């Protein structure tokens, strides 16, 4: 389903979003956030984390991608996006951390849609109160 003709109750996904350690390294380089909890297992364990964890902003950015695609692929269509970080996202040394992202349109007005997102890892929410407002494509 696409955003044009969006109605309250329309659903997006669920979509699988994978994160790898290579993603974390690239994000650290691009963002300048080289906090070792995102890159080094021992540093993460030393502060009580279960292992290397994804950057919150990376998780947030990857989680909005299904909404961007639904809205026509233009990231600038996202007018507002807010989340609460509910849980860390541990990323294994080998393999992926697989997020499940699902959205539901909760309002449509004035050329925009408001979408609530549910973002989970292994069935547990990692982003809470995730909501985006996107500009709908014009027919």
Foldseek 3Di string as FASTA:
>chain_A
DAQVVDDFFDKFDQDKDWDALVNLVVCCVVVVPPPCLQHPQVSVVVVPHPGRFHDPVVVQVRLCQSVCVRQPNDPVQWPDKDWAFDDTQHADNDDTFIKTKMWGFHDDDDQKTKIFIAIDTPPHGGIHRIIIIGGHDDD
